[in-house]
Amino acid sequence: MRALFLLACVSAIAGCAAVNRVEPGSGSRLDVEGRTYDEVWRAAVKVVGQRLSISAGTNKQRGEIQAEGGGSRFLPGQVVGVFIKPANTPSDHYVVEVVSHTRGSVPLTGKNWEQTVIDGLKAELKL
């Protein structure tokens, strides 16, 4: 019984650390036309930086912003990824995808940052 309890504790701790990076493919999207890549990148960094903590993995060349937000001692925070496609390439059209997940494997409700970041980008880019 004691070994089972220890295994459950270790699994819970490992699960909390499992989601530190967000991948594209399942988020909310915003189409941006009439802006340069640098304008879209600056707007994304500004909007995300005002609301969340930008973390390791952020890379302008890849068009990727990784961020963290919320959370407390007892509740997991959110991890957020912002992906700009095509990355660092002149284009007439960019797609910005925002993906938000609760950190860890415990299915607790948390703030979904997708629409908040999309709305911030629309305001910043005057779309």
Protein backbone atom coordinates (compact mmCIF):
# COMPACT_ATOMS: atom_id res chain seq x y z
CA MET A 1 0.00 0.00 0.00
CA ARG A 2 2.83 2.37 0.86
CA ALA A 3 4.56 1.65 -2.46
CA LEU A 4 1.33 2.38 -4.34
CA PHE A 5 0.97 5.71 -2.54
CA LEU A 6 4.58 6.61 -3.37
CA LEU A 7 4.05 5.71 -7.02
CA ALA A 8 0.93 7.91 -7.16
CA CYS A 9 2.84 10.86 -5.67
CA VAL A 10 5.74 10.50 -8.09
CA SER A 11 3.31 10.26 -11.04
CA ALA A 12 1.48 13.40 -9.93
CA ILE A 13 4.72 15.36 -9.58
CA ALA A 14 5.98 14.18 -12.96
CA GLY A 15 2.63 15.05 -14.54
CA CYS A 16 2.81 18.61 -13.24
CA ALA A 17 6.13 19.11 -14.97
CA ALA A 18 5.12 17.33 -18.16
CA VAL A 19 3.67 20.24 -20.14
CA ASN A 20 6.26 23.00 -20.36
CA ARG A 21 6.22 23.49 -24.10
CA VAL A 22 3.29 24.02 -26.41
CA GLU A 23 3.13 22.70 -29.97
CA PRO A 24 1.06 24.19 -32.80
CA GLY A 25 -1.96 22.53 -34.33
CA SER A 26 -4.85 22.76 -31.90
CA GLY A 27 -5.30 26.45 -31.17
CA SER A 28 -7.19 29.54 -32.24
CA ARG A 29 -6.05 31.26 -35.41
CA LEU A 30 -5.87 34.82 -36.66
CA ASP A 31 -5.27 35.74 -40.30
CA VAL A 32 -3.15 38.86 -40.75
CA GLU A 33 -2.83 40.70 -44.05
CA GLY A 34 -1.12 43.96 -44.92
CA ARG A 35 1.53 43.71 -42.20
CA THR A 36 5.19 42.73 -42.31
CA TYR A 37 6.58 39.79 -40.39
CA ASP A 38 8.41 42.19 -38.05
CA GLU A 39 5.17 44.07 -37.31
CA VAL A 40 3.34 40.83 -36.52
CA TRP A 41 6.25 39.55 -34.39
CA ARG A 42 6.55 42.81 -32.40
CA ALA A 43 2.80 42.90 -31.79
CA ALA A 44 2.77 39.27 -30.62
CA VAL A 45 5.70 39.76 -28.26
CA LYS A 46 4.12 42.93 -26.83
CA VAL A 47 0.68 41.36 -26.30
CA VAL A 48 2.05 38.15 -24.79
CA GLY A 49 4.58 40.03 -22.62
CA GLN A 50 1.86 42.27 -21.15
CA ARG A 51 -0.20 39.30 -20.01
CA LEU A 52 2.18 36.38 -19.51
CA SER A 53 5.83 35.57 -18.81
CA ILE A 54 7.74 34.82 -22.00
CA SER A 55 9.83 31.70 -21.49
CA ALA A 56 12.63 29.69 -23.05
CA GLY A 57 11.84 28.35 -26.48
CA THR A 58 10.86 31.73 -27.89
CA ASN A 59 12.51 32.14 -31.26
CA LYS A 60 11.85 34.86 -33.84
CA GLN A 61 13.44 32.85 -36.67
CA ARG A 62 10.93 30.02 -36.08
CA GLY A 63 8.02 32.41 -35.42
CA GLU A 64 7.46 30.88 -31.99
CA ILE A 65 6.69 32.45 -28.62
CA GLN A 66 6.47 30.22 -25.56
CA ALA A 67 4.95 31.71 -22.40
CA GLU A 68 3.58 30.85 -18.97
CA GLY A 69 0.87 32.40 -16.86
CA GLY A 70 -1.35 32.06 -13.86
CA GLY A 71 -0.98 29.28 -11.40
CA SER A 72 -0.33 29.32 -7.71
CA ARG A 73 1.13 27.10 -5.08
CA PHE A 74 -1.87 24.78 -5.27
CA LEU A 75 -3.12 25.20 -8.85
CA PRO A 76 -1.22 24.60 -12.07
CA GLY A 77 -0.58 27.51 -14.40
CA GLN A 78 -1.08 27.80 -18.11
CA VAL A 79 1.46 27.33 -20.87
CA VAL A 80 0.85 29.27 -24.06
CA GLY A 81 2.41 29.05 -27.48
CA VAL A 82 2.09 31.63 -30.26
CA PHE A 83 3.11 30.50 -33.73
CA ILE A 84 3.46 32.80 -36.76
CA LYS A 85 3.44 31.20 -40.22
CA PRO A 86 5.26 31.65 -42.50
CA ALA A 87 8.06 32.35 -40.07
CA ASN A 88 10.51 35.18 -40.73
CA THR A 89 9.59 35.30 -44.42
CA PRO A 90 8.13 38.17 -46.44
CA SER A 91 4.50 37.40 -47.22
CA ASP A 92 1.17 39.07 -47.95
CA HIS A 93 -0.58 36.82 -45.46
CA TYR A 94 0.39 35.47 -42.03
CA VAL A 95 -1.45 33.05 -39.79
CA VAL A 96 -0.97 33.46 -36.05
CA GLU A 97 -1.97 30.45 -33.98
CA VAL A 98 -2.36 30.68 -30.20
CA VAL A 99 -2.43 27.45 -28.18
CA SER A 100 -3.17 27.44 -24.43
CA HIS A 101 -2.96 24.43 -22.11
CA THR A 102 -3.11 23.87 -18.37
CA ARG A 103 0.28 22.74 -17.10
CA GLY A 104 0.34 19.15 -15.89
CA SER A 105 -1.98 16.23 -16.35
CA VAL A 106 -4.56 17.13 -13.70
CA PRO A 107 -7.72 18.28 -15.53
CA LEU A 108 -8.32 21.48 -13.58
CA THR A 109 -9.95 24.48 -15.15
CA GLY A 110 -7.72 27.41 -15.86
CA LYS A 111 -7.76 30.48 -18.01
CA ASN A 112 -7.72 29.81 -21.71
CA TRP A 113 -5.44 32.52 -23.10
CA GLU A 114 -6.19 31.90 -26.76
CA GLN A 115 -8.96 34.46 -27.27
CA THR A 116 -7.32 36.98 -24.93
CA VAL A 117 -4.12 36.95 -27.01
CA ILE A 118 -6.03 36.97 -30.32
CA ASP A 119 -8.08 39.99 -29.18
CA GLY A 120 -4.89 41.74 -28.04
CA LEU A 121 -3.26 41.11 -31.42
CA LYS A 122 -6.30 42.48 -33.27
CA ALA A 123 -6.14 45.66 -31.18
CA GLU A 124 -2.36 46.03 -31.48
CA LEU A 125 -2.37 45.45 -35.25
CA LYS A 126 -5.57 47.50 -35.68
CA LEU A 127 -7.39 44.67 -37.47
